[in-house]
PDB file of N, CA and C in Angstrom:
ATOM      1  N   MET A   1     127.218 165.281  97.671  1.00  0.00           N
ATOM      2  CA  MET A   1     128.381 164.879  96.905  1.00  0.00           C
ATOM      3  C   MET A   1     128.049 164.644  95.437  1.00  0.00           C
ATOM      4  N   LYS A   2     126.840 164.223  95.159  1.00  0.00           N
ATOM      5  CA  LYS A   2     126.461 163.962  93.781  1.00  0.00           C
ATOM      6  C   LYS A   2     126.528 165.230  92.955  1.00  0.00           C
ATOM      7  N   ILE A   3     126.117 166.336  93.546  1.00  0.00           N
ATOM      8  CA  ILE A   3     126.120 167.598  92.807  1.00  0.00           C
ATOM      9  C   ILE A   3     127.545 168.043  92.525  1.00  0.00           C
ATOM     10  N   LYS A   4     128.443 167.840  93.481  1.00  0.00           N
ATOM     11  CA  LYS A   4     129.831 168.238  93.264  1.00  0.00           C
ATOM     12  C   LYS A   4     130.435 167.478  92.095  1.00  0.00           C
ATOM     13  N   THR A   5     130.203 166.178  92.028  1.00  0.00           N
ATOM     14  CA  THR A   5     130.769 165.422  90.910  1.00  0.00           C
ATOM     15  C   THR A   5     130.120 165.838  89.603  1.00  0.00           C
ATOM     16  N   LYS A   6     128.828 166.138  89.649  1.00  0.00           N
ATOM     17  CA  LYS A   6     128.137 166.609  88.442  1.00  0.00           C
ATOM     18  C   LYS A   6     128.740 167.930  87.985  1.00  0.00           C
ATOM     19  N   ARG A   7     128.974 168.833  88.942  1.00  0.00           N
ATOM     20  CA  ARG A   7     129.551 170.134  88.627  1.00  0.00           C
ATOM     21  C   ARG A   7     130.972 169.958  88.095  1.00  0.00           C
ATOM     22  N   ASN A   8     131.756 169.080  88.722  1.00  0.00           N
ATOM     23  CA  ASN A   8     133.120 168.866  88.258  1.00  0.00           C
ATOM     24  C   ASN A   8     133.139 168.309  86.847  1.00  0.00           C
ATOM     25  N   ASP A   9     132.189 167.432  86.535  1.00  0.00           N
ATOM     26  CA  ASP A   9     132.102 166.900  85.182  1.00  0.00           C
ATOM     27  C   ASP A   9     131.773 168.000  84.184  1.00  0.00           C
ATOM     28  N   GLN A  10     130.841 168.873  84.565  1.00  0.00           N
ATOM     29  CA  GLN A  10     130.457 169.966  83.671  1.00  0.00           C
ATOM     30  C   GLN A  10     131.632 170.895  83.430  1.00  0.00           C
ATOM     31  N   VAL A  11     132.345 171.245  84.478  1.00  0.00           N
ATOM     32  CA  VAL A  11     133.448 172.193  84.361  1.00  0.00           C
ATOM     33  C   VAL A  11     134.619 171.549  83.638  1.00  0.00           C
ATOM     34  N   SER A  12     134.856 170.254  83.864  1.00  0.00           N
ATOM     35  CA  SER A  12     135.982 169.613  83.206  1.00  0.00           C
ATOM     36  C   SER A  12     135.756 169.506  81.696  1.00  0.00           C
ATOM     37  N   LYS A  13     134.498 169.434  81.281  1.00  0.00           N
ATOM     38  CA  LYS A  13     134.222 169.376  79.849  1.00  0.00           C
ATOM     39  C   LYS A  13     134.522 170.707  79.181  1.00  0.00           C
ATOM     40  N   LYS A  14     134.266 171.779  79.891  1.00  0.00           N
ATOM     41  CA  LYS A  14     134.514 173.115  79.365  1.00  0.00           C
ATOM     42  C   LYS A  14     135.347 173.877  80.383  1.00  0.00           C
ATOM     43  N   ARG A  15     136.224 174.709  79.917  1.00  0.00           N
ATOM     44  CA  ARG A  15     136.933 175.600  80.825  1.00  0.00           C
ATOM     45  C   ARG A  15     135.951 176.658  81.298  1.00  0.00           C
ATOM     46  N   ILE A  16     136.155 177.170  82.470  1.00  0.00           N
ATOM     47  CA  ILE A  16     135.242 178.158  83.024  1.00  0.00           C
ATOM     48  C   ILE A  16     135.151 179.379  82.116  1.00  0.00           C
ATOM     49  N   SER A  17     136.247 179.767  81.527  1.00  0.00           N
ATOM     50  CA  SER A  17     136.229 180.933  80.648  1.00  0.00           C
ATOM     51  C   SER A  17     135.414 180.675  79.382  1.00  0.00           C
ATOM     52  N   ASP A  18     135.238 179.404  79.018  1.00  0.00           N
ATOM     53  CA  ASP A  18     134.466 179.051  77.833  1.00  0.00           C
ATOM     54  C   ASP A  18     132.970 178.934  78.104  1.00  0.00           C
ATOM     55  N   LEU A  19     132.576 178.984  79.388  1.00  0.00           N
ATOM     56  CA  LEU A  19     131.165 178.842  79.736  1.00  0.00           C
ATOM     57  C   LEU A  19     130.409 180.126  79.430  1.00  0.00           C
ATOM     58  N   SER A  20     129.144 179.963  79.100  1.00  0.00           N
ATOM     59  CA  SER A  20     128.306 181.139  78.876  1.00  0.00           C
ATOM     60  C   SER A  20     127.946 181.743  80.231  1.00  0.00           C
ATOM     61  N   ASN A  21     127.422 182.953  80.208  1.00  0.00           N
ATOM     62  CA  ASN A  21     127.021 183.614  81.450  1.00  0.00           C
ATOM     63  C   ASN A  21     125.945 182.818  82.175  1.00  0.00           C
ATOM     64  N   GLU A  22     125.020 182.224  81.439  1.00  0.00           N
ATOM     65  CA  GLU A  22     123.950 181.435  82.054  1.00  0.00           C
ATOM     66  C   GLU A  22     124.522 180.203  82.749  1.00  0.00           C
ATOM     67  N   GLU A  23     125.504 179.553  82.118  1.00  0.00           N
ATOM     68  CA  GLU A  23     126.114 178.370  82.724  1.00  0.00           C
ATOM     69  C   GLU A  23     126.887 178.741  83.987  1.00  0.00           C
ATOM     70  N   LYS A  24     127.618 179.850  83.933  1.00  0.00           N
ATOM     71  CA  LYS A  24     128.334 180.311  85.123  1.00  0.00           C
ATOM     72  C   LYS A  24     127.368 180.624  86.248  1.00  0.00           C
ATOM     73  N   PHE A  25     126.244 181.264  85.897  1.00  0.00           N
ATOM     74  CA  PHE A  25     125.230 181.617  86.880  1.00  0.00           C
ATOM     75  C   PHE A  25     124.632 180.364  87.510  1.00  0.00           C
ATOM     76  N   SER A  26     124.328 179.360  86.696  1.00  0.00           N
ATOM     77  CA  SER A  26     123.736 178.134  87.238  1.00  0.00           C
ATOM     78  C   SER A  26     124.724 177.386  88.124  1.00  0.00           C
ATOM     79  N   LEU A  27     126.004 177.372  87.751  1.00  0.00           N
ATOM     80  CA  LEU A  27     127.009 176.739  88.597  1.00  0.00           C
ATOM     81  C   LEU A  27     127.146 177.465  89.929  1.00  0.00           C
ATOM     82  N   ALA A  28     127.108 178.787  89.895  1.00  0.00           N
ATOM     83  CA  ALA A  28     127.196 179.567  91.133  1.00  0.00           C
ATOM     84  C   ALA A  28     125.972 179.308  92.006  1.00  0.00           C
ATOM     85  N   ASN A  29     124.796 179.211  91.393  1.00  0.00           N
ATOM     86  CA  ASN A  29     123.583 178.907  92.157  1.00  0.00           C
ATOM     87  C   ASN A  29     123.648 177.528  92.791  1.00  0.00           C
ATOM     88  N   GLU A  30     124.146 176.549  92.051  1.00  0.00           N
ATOM     89  CA  GLU A  30     124.294 175.197  92.594  1.00  0.00           C
ATOM     90  C   GLU A  30     125.238 175.200  93.785  1.00  0.00           C
ATOM     91  N   ARG A  31     126.339 175.927  93.658  1.00  0.00           N
ATOM     92  CA  ARG A  31     127.319 175.996  94.737  1.00  0.00           C
ATOM     93  C   ARG A  31     126.699 176.623  95.981  1.00  0.00           C
ATOM     94  N   LEU A  32     125.963 177.705  95.793  1.00  0.00           N
ATOM     95  CA  LEU A  32     125.320 178.366  96.926  1.00  0.00           C
ATOM     96  C   LEU A  32     124.243 177.476  97.547  1.00  0.00           C
ATOM     97  N   ASP A  33     123.482 176.763  96.717  1.00  0.00           N
ATOM     98  CA  ASP A  33     122.474 175.835  97.240  1.00  0.00           C
ATOM     99  C   ASP A  33     123.136 174.736  98.074  1.00  0.00           C
ATOM    100  N   ASP A  34     124.289 174.235  97.603  1.00  0.00           N
ATOM    101  CA  ASP A  34     125.029 173.227  98.357  1.00  0.00           C
ATOM    102  C   ASP A  34     125.481 173.780  99.701  1.00  0.00           C
ATOM    103  N   GLN A  35     125.975 175.023  99.700  1.00  0.00           N
ATOM    104  CA  GLN A  35     126.426 175.637 100.944  1.00  0.00           C
ATOM    105  C   GLN A  35     125.277 175.805 101.925  1.00  0.00           C
ATOM    106  N   ILE A  36     124.123 176.230 101.437  1.00  0.00           N
ATOM    107  CA  ILE A  36     122.955 176.417 102.296  1.00  0.00           C
ATOM    108  C   ILE A  36     122.503 175.077 102.870  1.00  0.00           C
ATOM    109  N   ALA A  37     122.467 174.042 102.042  1.00  0.00           N
ATOM    110  CA  ALA A  37     122.051 172.718 102.504  1.00  0.00           C
ATOM    111  C   ALA A  37     123.026 172.187 103.556  1.00  0.00           C
ATOM    112  N   HIS A  38     124.321 172.379 103.323  1.00  0.00           N
ATOM    113  CA  HIS A  38     125.332 171.921 104.272  1.00  0.00           C
ATOM    114  C   HIS A  38     125.190 172.661 105.604  1.00  0.00           C
ATOM    115  N   LYS A  39     124.945 173.949 105.538  1.00  0.00           N
ATOM    116  CA  LYS A  39     124.787 174.759 106.737  1.00  0.00           C
ATOM    117  C   LYS A  39     123.566 174.303 107.542  1.00  0.00           C
ATOM    118  N   LYS A  40     122.457 174.025 106.864  1.00  0.00           N
ATOM    119  CA  LYS A  40     121.250 173.533 107.537  1.00  0.00           C
ATOM    120  C   LYS A  40     121.513 172.186 108.196  1.00  0.00           C
ATOM    121  N   GLU A  41     122.226 171.320 107.488  1.00  0.00           N
ATOM    122  CA  GLU A  41     122.544 170.003 108.027  1.00  0.00           C
ATOM    123  C   GLU A  41     123.403 170.124 109.283  1.00  0.00           C
ATOM    124  N   MET A  42     124.408 170.989 109.221  1.00  0.00           N
ATOM    125  CA  MET A  42     125.276 171.175 110.382  1.00  0.00           C
ATOM    126  C   MET A  42     124.503 171.776 111.551  1.00  0.00           C
ATOM    127  N   LYS A  43     123.574 172.663 111.263  1.00  0.00           N
ATOM    128  CA  LYS A  43     122.780 173.278 112.320  1.00  0.00           C
ATOM    129  C   LYS A  43     121.898 172.242 113.017  1.00  0.00           C
ATOM    130  N   SER A  44     121.411 171.279 112.255  1.00  0.00           N
ATOM    131  CA  SER A  44     120.574 170.243 112.854  1.00  0.00           C
ATOM    132  C   SER A  44     121.398 169.235 113.665  1.00  0.00           C
ATOM    133  N   ILE A  45     122.657 169.066 113.320  1.00  0.00           N
ATOM    134  CA  ILE A  45     123.517 168.097 114.006  1.00  0.00           C
ATOM    135  C   ILE A  45     124.112 168.679 115.283  1.00  0.00           C
ATOM    136  N   LEU A  46     124.622 169.914 115.196  1.00  0.00           N
ATOM    137  CA  LEU A  46     125.348 170.519 116.309  1.00  0.00           C
ATOM    138  C   LEU A  46     124.410 171.268 117.244  1.00  0.00           C
ATOM    139  N   ASN A  47     124.863 171.425 118.502  1.00  0.00           N
ATOM    140  CA  ASN A  47     124.090 172.291 119.390  1.00  0.00           C
ATOM    141  C   ASN A  47     124.490 173.731 119.098  1.00  0.00           C
ATOM    142  N   GLU A  48     123.850 174.689 119.773  1.00  0.00           N
ATOM    143  CA  GLU A  48     124.008 176.109 119.429  1.00  0.00           C
ATOM    144  C   GLU A  48     125.457 176.587 119.547  1.00  0.00           C
ATOM    145  N   SER A  49     126.125 176.243 120.640  1.00  0.00           N
ATOM    146  CA  SER A  49     127.506 176.717 120.822  1.00  0.00           C
ATOM    147  C   SER A  49     128.454 176.066 119.819  1.00  0.00           C
ATOM    148  N   GLN A  50     128.251 174.781 119.536  1.00  0.00           N
ATOM    149  CA  GLN A  50     129.079 174.090 118.552  1.00  0.00           C
ATOM    150  C   GLN A  50     128.869 174.683 117.163  1.00  0.00           C
ATOM    151  N   TYR A  51     127.618 174.985 116.849  1.00  0.00           N
ATOM    152  CA  TYR A  51     127.305 175.559 115.537  1.00  0.00           C
ATOM    153  C   TYR A  51     127.955 176.927 115.370  1.00  0.00           C
ATOM    154  N   GLU A  52     127.899 177.768 116.398  1.00  0.00           N
ATOM    155  CA  GLU A  52     128.531 179.088 116.324  1.00  0.00           C
ATOM    156  C   GLU A  52     130.035 178.958 116.120  1.00  0.00           C
ATOM    157  N   LYS A  53     130.650 178.014 116.834  1.00  0.00           N
ATOM    158  CA  LYS A  53     132.090 177.792 116.676  1.00  0.00           C
ATOM    159  C   LYS A  53     132.405 177.294 115.264  1.00  0.00           C
ATOM    160  N   TRP A  54     131.615 176.348 114.764  1.00  0.00           N
ATOM    161  CA  TRP A  54     131.821 175.812 113.424  1.00  0.00           C
ATOM    162  C   TRP A  54     131.662 176.910 112.372  1.00  0.00           C
ATOM    163  N   GLU A  55     130.651 177.756 112.546  1.00  0.00           N
ATOM    164  CA  GLU A  55     130.407 178.830 111.596  1.00  0.00           C
ATOM    165  C   GLU A  55     131.584 179.812 111.576  1.00  0.00           C
ATOM    166  N   GLY A  56     132.125 180.134 112.756  1.00  0.00           N
ATOM    167  CA  GLY A  56     133.281 181.022 112.825  1.00  0.00           C
ATOM    168  C   GLY A  56     134.499 180.437 112.144  1.00  0.00           C
ATOM    169  N   ILE A  57     134.709 179.146 112.346  1.00  0.00           N
ATOM    170  CA  ILE A  57     135.857 178.473 111.734  1.00  0.00           C
ATOM    171  C   ILE A  57     135.723 178.455 110.216  1.00  0.00           C
ATOM    172  N   THR A  58     134.533 178.150 109.715  1.00  0.00           N
ATOM    173  CA  THR A  58     134.356 178.087 108.263  1.00  0.00           C
ATOM    174  C   THR A  58     134.476 179.471 107.626  1.00  0.00           C
ATOM    175  N   MET A  59     133.991 180.499 108.311  1.00  0.00           N
ATOM    176  CA  MET A  59     134.115 181.858 107.767  1.00  0.00           C
ATOM    177  C   MET A  59     135.585 182.283 107.713  1.00  0.00           C
ATOM    178  N   ARG A  60     136.327 181.998 108.764  1.00  0.00           N
ATOM    179  CA  ARG A  60     137.756 182.339 108.758  1.00  0.00           C
ATOM    180  C   ARG A  60     138.477 181.604 107.641  1.00  0.00           C
ATOM    181  N   SER A  61     138.118 180.349 107.445  1.00  0.00           N
ATOM    182  CA  SER A  61     138.745 179.549 106.396  1.00  0.00           C
ATOM    183  C   SER A  61     138.445 180.138 105.019  1.00  0.00           C
ATOM    184  N   ARG A  62     137.187 180.524 104.800  1.00  0.00           N
ATOM    185  CA  ARG A  62     136.818 181.123 103.513  1.00  0.00           C
ATOM    186  C   ARG A  62     137.554 182.433 103.275  1.00  0.00           C
ATOM    187  N   MET A  63     137.634 183.257 104.308  1.00  0.00           N
ATOM    188  CA  MET A  63     138.305 184.549 104.162  1.00  0.00           C
ATOM    189  C   MET A  63     139.799 184.353 103.909  1.00  0.00           C
ATOM    190  N   ARG A  64     140.396 183.394 104.589  1.00  0.00           N
ATOM    191  CA  ARG A  64     141.812 183.107 104.384  1.00  0.00           C
ATOM    192  C   ARG A  64     142.051 182.659 102.951  1.00  0.00           C
ATOM    193  N   HIS A  65     141.172 181.796 102.450  1.00  0.00           N
ATOM    194  CA  HIS A  65     141.286 181.313 101.073  1.00  0.00           C
ATOM    195  C   HIS A  65     141.097 182.463 100.089  1.00  0.00           C
ATOM    196  N   LYS A  66     140.145 183.315 100.366  1.00  0.00           N
ATOM    197  CA  LYS A  66     139.858 184.448  99.500  1.00  0.00           C
ATOM    198  C   LYS A  66     141.057 185.400  99.442  1.00  0.00           C
ATOM    199  N   ARG A  67     141.662 185.672 100.611  1.00  0.00           N
ATOM    200  CA  ARG A  67     142.833 186.565 100.649  1.00  0.00           C
ATOM    201  C   ARG A  67     144.013 185.964  99.903  1.00  0.00           C
ATOM    202  N   SER A  68     144.273 184.676 100.077  1.00  0.00           N
ATOM    203  CA  SER A  68     145.410 184.071  99.400  1.00  0.00           C
ATOM    204  C   SER A  68     145.189 184.040  97.900  1.00  0.00           C
ATOM    205  N   HIS A  69     143.939 183.918  97.492  1.00  0.00           N
ATOM    206  CA  HIS A  69     143.634 183.909  96.063  1.00  0.00           C
ATOM    207  C   HIS A  69     143.892 185.295  95.459  1.00  0.00           C
ATOM    208  N   LYS A  70     143.581 186.351  96.197  1.00  0.00           N
ATOM    209  CA  LYS A  70     143.817 187.700  95.694  1.00  0.00           C
ATOM    210  C   LYS A  70     145.312 187.973  95.540  1.00  0.00           C
ATOM    211  N   ARG A  71     146.119 187.442  96.451  1.00  0.00           N
ATOM    212  CA  ARG A  71     147.564 187.673  96.398  1.00  0.00           C
ATOM    213  C   ARG A  71     148.214 187.004  95.195  1.00  0.00           C
ATOM    214  N   THR A  72     147.673 185.865  94.748  1.00  0.00           N
ATOM    215  CA  THR A  72     148.303 185.137  93.646  1.00  0.00           C
ATOM    216  C   THR A  72     147.959 185.732  92.288  1.00  0.00           C
ATOM    217  N   ARG A  73     147.010 186.598  92.220  1.00  0.00           N
ATOM    218  CA  ARG A  73     146.638 187.192  90.927  1.00  0.00           C
ATOM    219  C   ARG A  73     147.607 188.184  90.447  1.00  0.00           C
TER     220      ARG A  73
END
């Protein structure tokens, strides 16, 4: 959670379009690192069948969000 608030503070200071390519890249890396850490944590908490179900649910959610975002453009 600390990284999310740090990222939100960084982005709120500057609009995303105003960020340099390096800043955008570092924010994307932080986001991916957070996702990997969360996935590892969930894998350690859940058993194999629960983890597979959770992974399927999160992937569907991401794809649904991605599709709705494309439609609004």
